[in-house]
Protein backbone atom coordinates (compact mmCIF):
# COMPACT_ATOMS: atom_id res chain seq x y z
CA UNK A 1 72.81 92.62 106.92
CA UNK A 2 75.45 94.50 109.23
CA UNK A 3 77.55 91.10 111.11
CA UNK A 4 80.11 91.51 113.92
CA UNK A 5 81.94 89.44 116.26
CA UNK A 6 82.19 90.97 119.29
CA UNK A 7 82.71 89.63 123.07
CA UNK A 8 80.80 87.94 125.36
CA UNK A 9 82.36 86.77 129.33
CA UNK A 10 85.97 86.47 127.36
CA UNK A 11 84.59 84.95 124.25
CA UNK A 12 83.65 85.26 120.49
CA UNK A 13 79.85 85.82 120.01
CA UNK A 14 78.67 86.49 115.87
CA UNK A 15 76.27 89.01 116.28
CA UNK A 16 73.99 91.16 113.81
CA UNK A 17 73.63 94.74 114.01
CA UNK A 18 70.00 95.75 114.03
CA UNK A 19 69.50 99.60 114.37
CA UNK A 20 71.61 100.74 117.49
CA UNK A 21 71.72 97.15 119.14
CA UNK A 22 73.54 94.25 118.33
CA UNK A 23 71.78 90.71 118.29
CA UNK A 24 73.36 87.64 119.41
CA UNK A 25 72.43 85.27 116.74
CA UNK A 26 72.66 81.97 118.29
CA UNK A 27 70.13 83.00 120.94
CA UNK A 28 67.94 84.92 118.50
CA UNK A 29 68.17 81.90 116.14
CA UNK A 30 66.92 79.34 118.89
CA UNK A 31 64.06 81.42 119.83
CA UNK A 32 62.78 81.64 116.14
CA UNK A 33 63.05 78.09 115.29
CA UNK A 34 60.39 77.22 118.51
CA UNK A 35 58.12 78.88 116.44
CA UNK A 36 59.34 78.04 112.73
CA UNK A 37 60.82 74.38 112.09
CA UNK A 38 62.82 75.47 108.93
CA UNK A 39 64.89 77.37 110.94
CA UNK A 40 68.17 76.47 111.30
CA UNK A 41 69.84 77.16 114.67
CA UNK A 42 72.89 79.71 113.73
CA UNK A 43 75.94 78.81 115.05
CA UNK A 44 77.48 80.97 117.81
CA UNK A 45 80.96 81.96 116.33
CA UNK A 46 81.27 83.37 112.72
CA UNK A 47 83.99 80.97 112.02
CA UNK A 48 81.52 78.34 111.85
CA UNK A 49 78.58 80.08 110.19
CA UNK A 50 81.37 79.93 107.50
CA UNK A 51 82.22 76.43 107.71
CA UNK A 52 78.30 75.48 107.16
CA UNK A 53 77.35 79.03 105.31
CA UNK A 54 75.17 77.37 102.07
CA UNK A 55 72.72 75.72 104.82
CA UNK A 56 73.17 78.27 107.03
CA UNK A 57 72.62 81.57 105.30
CA UNK A 58 68.47 81.44 105.03
CA UNK A 59 68.25 80.84 107.85
CA UNK A 60 70.71 83.57 108.98
CA UNK A 61 68.80 86.13 106.67
CA UNK A 62 65.33 84.89 108.02
CA UNK A 63 66.57 85.72 111.72
CA UNK A 64 67.55 88.70 111.44
CA UNK A 65 64.50 89.96 109.38
CA UNK A 66 62.49 88.68 112.13
CA UNK A 67 64.41 90.75 114.81
CA UNK A 68 64.55 93.65 112.35
CA UNK A 69 60.46 93.57 112.41
CA UNK A 70 59.40 92.69 115.92
CA UNK A 71 62.55 92.12 117.69
CA UNK A 72 61.89 95.10 120.66
CA UNK A 73 60.00 92.26 122.52
CA UNK A 74 63.15 90.23 122.76
CA UNK A 75 65.68 92.33 123.88
CA UNK A 76 67.08 90.03 125.66
CA UNK A 77 68.77 88.14 122.70
CA UNK A 78 70.61 91.76 122.05
CA UNK A 79 72.59 94.27 123.28
CA UNK A 80 73.17 98.39 122.83
CA UNK A 81 75.42 98.25 120.13
CA UNK A 82 77.65 101.35 122.45
CA UNK A 83 77.68 98.95 125.23
CA UNK A 84 79.64 95.80 123.17
CA UNK A 85 83.39 95.35 122.41
CA UNK A 86 83.30 94.55 118.70
CA UNK A 87 85.91 92.08 117.68
CA UNK A 88 87.80 91.39 114.03
CA UNK A 89 85.16 90.50 112.14
CA UNK A 90 86.57 87.20 111.37
CA UNK A 91 89.02 86.39 114.14
CA UNK A 92 90.20 83.54 112.04
CA UNK A 93 89.69 83.34 108.28
CA UNK A 94 90.78 80.55 106.67
CA UNK A 95 93.18 82.67 104.65
CA UNK A 96 93.92 86.39 104.51
CA UNK A 97 94.79 86.98 100.39
CA UNK A 98 96.03 90.98 99.92
CA UNK A 99 96.68 93.16 97.03
CA UNK A 100 99.38 95.53 96.41
CA UNK A 101 100.36 98.56 94.18
CA UNK A 102 96.53 98.26 93.07
CA UNK A 103 95.95 102.07 92.10
CA UNK A 104 97.99 103.80 89.09
CA UNK A 105 98.61 107.27 92.32
CA UNK A 106 100.49 104.42 94.32
CA UNK A 107 102.38 102.75 92.76
CA UNK A 108 103.46 106.53 90.68
CA UNK A 109 104.26 107.48 94.88
CA UNK A 110 106.16 104.41 95.54
CA UNK A 111 107.82 104.58 92.48
CA UNK A 112 107.51 100.89 91.17
CA UNK A 113 105.89 100.11 88.11
CA UNK A 114 102.19 98.57 87.28
CA UNK A 115 102.40 94.88 87.41
CA UNK A 116 101.07 92.92 84.31
CA UNK A 117 98.74 90.65 86.80
CA UNK A 118 98.11 91.34 90.50
CA UNK A 119 100.82 91.22 93.34
CA UNK A 120 99.89 89.23 96.07
CA UNK A 121 101.15 88.51 99.41
CA UNK A 122 99.47 86.81 102.40
CA UNK A 123 98.43 88.25 105.82
CA UNK A 124 98.59 86.11 109.04
CA UNK A 125 95.15 86.48 111.32
CA UNK A 126 97.17 87.10 114.38
CA UNK A 127 97.77 90.02 113.20
CA UNK A 128 94.58 91.57 113.19
CA UNK A 129 93.07 94.36 115.37
CA UNK A 130 89.78 95.06 116.02
CA UNK A 131 88.28 98.55 115.99
CA UNK A 132 89.11 101.05 118.83
CA UNK A 133 92.30 98.74 119.98
CA UNK A 134 95.66 100.03 119.63
CA UNK A 135 97.90 99.93 116.64
CA UNK A 136 101.70 98.48 117.95
CA UNK A 137 105.03 100.84 116.80
CA UNK A 138 107.66 97.86 117.43
CA UNK A 139 110.52 98.39 119.37
CA UNK A 140 112.67 97.25 116.16
CA UNK A 141 111.41 100.07 113.84
CA UNK A 142 109.90 103.47 113.94
CA UNK A 143 108.68 103.18 110.16
CA UNK A 144 104.95 102.47 110.75
CA UNK A 145 103.06 103.77 107.79
CA UNK A 146 98.89 103.10 107.11
CA UNK A 147 97.12 102.18 103.75
CA UNK A 148 93.31 101.89 103.91
CA UNK A 149 91.09 99.67 102.03
CA UNK A 150 88.72 97.82 101.04
CA UNK A 151 88.23 94.14 101.82
CA UNK A 152 86.24 91.31 100.29
CA UNK A 153 85.14 88.46 101.89
CA UNK A 154 84.26 85.35 100.13
CA UNK A 155 81.00 83.46 100.79
CA UNK A 156 81.50 79.99 98.87
CA UNK A 157 84.41 77.80 98.73
CA UNK A 158 85.31 77.42 94.80
CA UNK A 159 86.37 73.57 95.10
CA UNK A 160 89.23 73.31 92.85
CA UNK A 161 87.19 75.72 90.29
CA UNK A 162 89.00 78.25 88.69
CA UNK A 163 86.65 81.39 88.25
CA UNK A 164 86.16 83.34 85.23
CA UNK A 165 85.88 87.21 86.19
CA UNK A 166 81.78 86.53 84.79
CA UNK A 167 81.78 83.97 87.91
CA UNK A 168 83.52 85.98 90.38
CA UNK A 169 81.23 88.34 92.16
CA UNK A 170 78.49 85.28 92.65
CA UNK A 171 81.17 84.38 94.81
CA UNK A 172 81.19 87.52 96.97
CA UNK A 173 79.48 87.35 100.15
CA UNK A 174 80.16 91.12 101.48
CA UNK A 175 82.93 93.65 102.49
CA UNK A 176 84.49 95.39 105.05
CA UNK A 177 87.73 97.76 105.98
CA UNK A 178 91.39 96.76 106.19
CA UNK A 179 94.29 98.52 107.40
CA UNK A 180 97.16 97.32 105.53
CA UNK A 181 99.55 98.87 108.39
CA UNK A 182 103.50 97.76 107.38
CA UNK A 183 106.90 98.51 108.91
CA UNK A 184 108.55 99.97 106.05
CA UNK A 185 112.38 99.17 105.96
CA UNK A 186 110.81 95.48 107.13
CA UNK A 187 108.63 95.37 104.13
CA UNK A 188 111.52 96.45 101.87
CA UNK A 189 114.50 94.68 103.09
CA UNK A 190 114.22 91.86 100.61
CA UNK A 191 111.65 91.57 97.86
CA UNK A 192 108.83 89.69 99.43
CA UNK A 193 106.59 91.58 102.00
CA UNK A 194 105.66 88.82 104.46
CA UNK A 195 107.95 90.37 107.71
CA UNK A 196 106.84 93.78 107.19
CA UNK A 197 103.09 92.98 106.33
CA UNK A 198 103.21 90.89 109.70
CA UNK A 199 104.11 92.61 112.56
CA UNK A 200 101.68 91.94 116.02
CA UNK A 201 98.95 93.95 115.95
CA UNK A 202 99.31 95.27 112.43
CA UNK A 203 95.84 94.88 111.02
CA UNK A 204 93.01 96.54 111.36
CA UNK A 205 90.03 94.81 110.56
CA UNK A 206 86.16 95.82 110.95
CA UNK A 207 84.01 96.84 112.42
CA UNK A 208 81.67 94.80 110.52
CA UNK A 209 80.99 93.13 107.56
CA UNK A 210 77.84 94.45 105.10
CA UNK A 211 76.78 91.95 102.95
CA UNK A 212 76.85 91.87 98.99
CA UNK A 213 72.89 93.12 98.38
CA UNK A 214 73.36 96.06 100.43
CA UNK A 215 76.39 97.86 98.76
CA UNK A 216 75.39 98.40 94.73
CA UNK A 217 78.20 98.73 93.31
CA UNK A 218 81.61 98.02 95.27
CA UNK A 219 83.74 99.68 92.56
CA UNK A 220 82.18 103.55 93.46
CA UNK A 221 83.42 103.05 96.58
CA UNK A 222 85.45 106.85 98.46
CA UNK A 223 88.20 105.27 100.95
CA UNK A 224 89.56 108.41 103.20
CA UNK A 225 92.47 107.76 105.92
CA UNK A 226 92.76 110.04 107.98
CA UNK A 227 95.68 110.71 110.81
CA UNK A 228 94.67 112.52 114.05
CA UNK A 229 91.79 114.04 111.93
CA UNK A 230 93.89 114.78 108.81
CA UNK A 231 93.22 113.48 105.75
CA UNK A 232 96.33 111.48 104.04
CA UNK A 233 94.43 108.86 101.53
CA UNK A 234 91.18 109.99 99.92
CA UNK A 235 90.36 108.09 96.31
CA UNK A 236 87.43 105.71 94.68
CA UNK A 237 87.63 102.38 94.45
CA UNK A 238 87.02 103.17 90.70
CA UNK A 239 90.58 103.65 90.30
CA UNK A 240 91.98 100.33 90.88
CA UNK A 241 94.54 98.64 88.47
CA UNK A 242 92.14 95.31 88.89
CA UNK A 243 88.89 95.14 90.24
CA UNK A 244 87.25 92.42 91.95
CA UNK A 245 86.33 90.18 89.85
CA UNK A 246 90.22 90.17 87.92
CA UNK A 247 91.53 89.98 91.52
CA UNK A 248 88.85 86.89 92.49
CA UNK A 249 89.95 84.93 89.16
CA UNK A 250 93.64 85.51 89.61
CA UNK A 251 93.72 83.93 92.29
CA UNK A 252 91.34 81.05 91.82
CA UNK A 253 93.72 80.08 89.44
CA UNK A 254 96.82 78.33 92.05
CA UNK A 255 94.90 78.22 95.07
CA UNK A 256 90.61 77.17 96.64
CA UNK A 257 88.90 79.97 97.89
CA UNK A 258 86.98 79.48 100.77
CA UNK A 259 84.37 81.14 102.81
CA UNK A 260 85.25 83.46 104.93
CA UNK A 261 88.56 84.13 103.17
CA UNK A 262 89.34 88.18 103.12
CA UNK A 263 91.03 89.87 100.35
CA UNK A 264 92.38 93.26 101.09
CA UNK A 265 92.32 95.04 97.44
CA UNK A 266 94.85 97.38 97.67
CA UNK A 267 95.53 101.07 99.06
CA UNK A 268 95.00 104.31 97.14
CA UNK A 269 97.99 106.91 97.49
CA UNK A 270 98.82 109.20 100.12
CA UNK A 271 100.67 106.45 102.26
CA UNK A 272 103.50 107.65 104.96
CA UNK A 273 106.77 106.77 103.64
CA UNK A 274 106.47 108.70 100.38
CA UNK A 275 105.92 111.99 101.99
CA UNK A 276 108.71 114.66 102.46
CA UNK A 277 108.98 114.61 104.96
CA UNK A 278 107.97 111.07 105.49
CA UNK A 279 104.94 110.69 108.25
CA UNK A 280 104.59 107.33 110.39
CA UNK A 281 102.71 106.52 112.65
CA UNK A 282 103.99 107.21 116.46
CA UNK A 283 102.26 107.24 120.43
CA UNK A 284 99.79 108.82 120.94
CA UNK A 285 98.10 109.01 117.14
CA UNK A 286 95.40 107.72 115.94
CA UNK A 287 94.54 106.73 112.56
CA UNK A 288 91.11 106.27 111.10
CA UNK A 289 90.12 104.33 107.93
CA UNK A 290 86.35 105.62 106.41
CA UNK A 291 84.63 103.73 103.55
CA UNK A 292 80.67 105.09 103.43
CA UNK A 293 78.15 102.52 103.47
CA UNK A 294 80.83 100.09 105.53
CA UNK A 295 81.73 102.02 108.58
CA UNK A 296 84.19 103.49 110.26
CA UNK A 297 87.67 101.45 111.42
CA UNK A 298 89.78 103.85 114.49
CA UNK A 299 92.65 102.72 115.74
CA UNK A 300 94.90 104.56 118.51
CA UNK A 301 98.69 103.94 117.98
CA UNK A 302 101.08 102.80 121.15
CA UNK A 303 104.30 102.32 121.24
CA UNK A 304 105.39 98.58 122.66
CA UNK A 305 105.87 97.87 125.78
CA UNK A 306 103.75 101.27 126.49
CA UNK A 307 99.95 99.16 126.22
């Protein structure tokens, strides 16, 4: 499944991309439930789905399959993808736990040591930027940099359980793309990353969540970041220092994971601040991250005050 949040009459709706259409899952599940009493109606917002995912997921799979089979007869519950304004897939996840310095070559280019355990930091959902919406260069800095990443979406609550690596992948719901856009001078003012990683309109996320059953191996995915069509980053997730089970195991040691949590897994080499001379995002640029099988996340860049 390829799941999205999209805008309908200035409100978020929970949808699935099927072919070239976006299906309103709440409306379509209501239709399906009229002929199948076993189905539970899907909520209108993806956040509400994750709140009750254990009960709702079987019905979600069933209604998506039903539309795929005969949805053409029910076009009134869907729209052409080209006509839909996508939002960040989860606009308010319970947590965003990011991984820093998770590719050897990126650690080398930054002149930093490889950590013996995953380096983690938090992002705030208020920084999210949807596919196609602008990333903003703040007035207080011009050192705005890109970091294309694979994002993991959690699908189960750990409820106090500390996971092992062997258990970890059972808790993965799916994958998306994240661009951990960073204000470098703010990041390196001090020894923690919070300010530099949480500027307004600095977290492109999307365009969709691809469920885990459609990704054969998340550790065999190419990641490419381009700036105005020019390749800046290219690597495969098989070169991550810490794989997804290790990251999840580490996080679950100290905090409960919840369905809907987002875990960006780190960026490869090729960021702008270590280039000679450095390259930073500026007004008029377009920054794009592509992961085959997951999607393409592309955003224009504007200077603050010039939206």
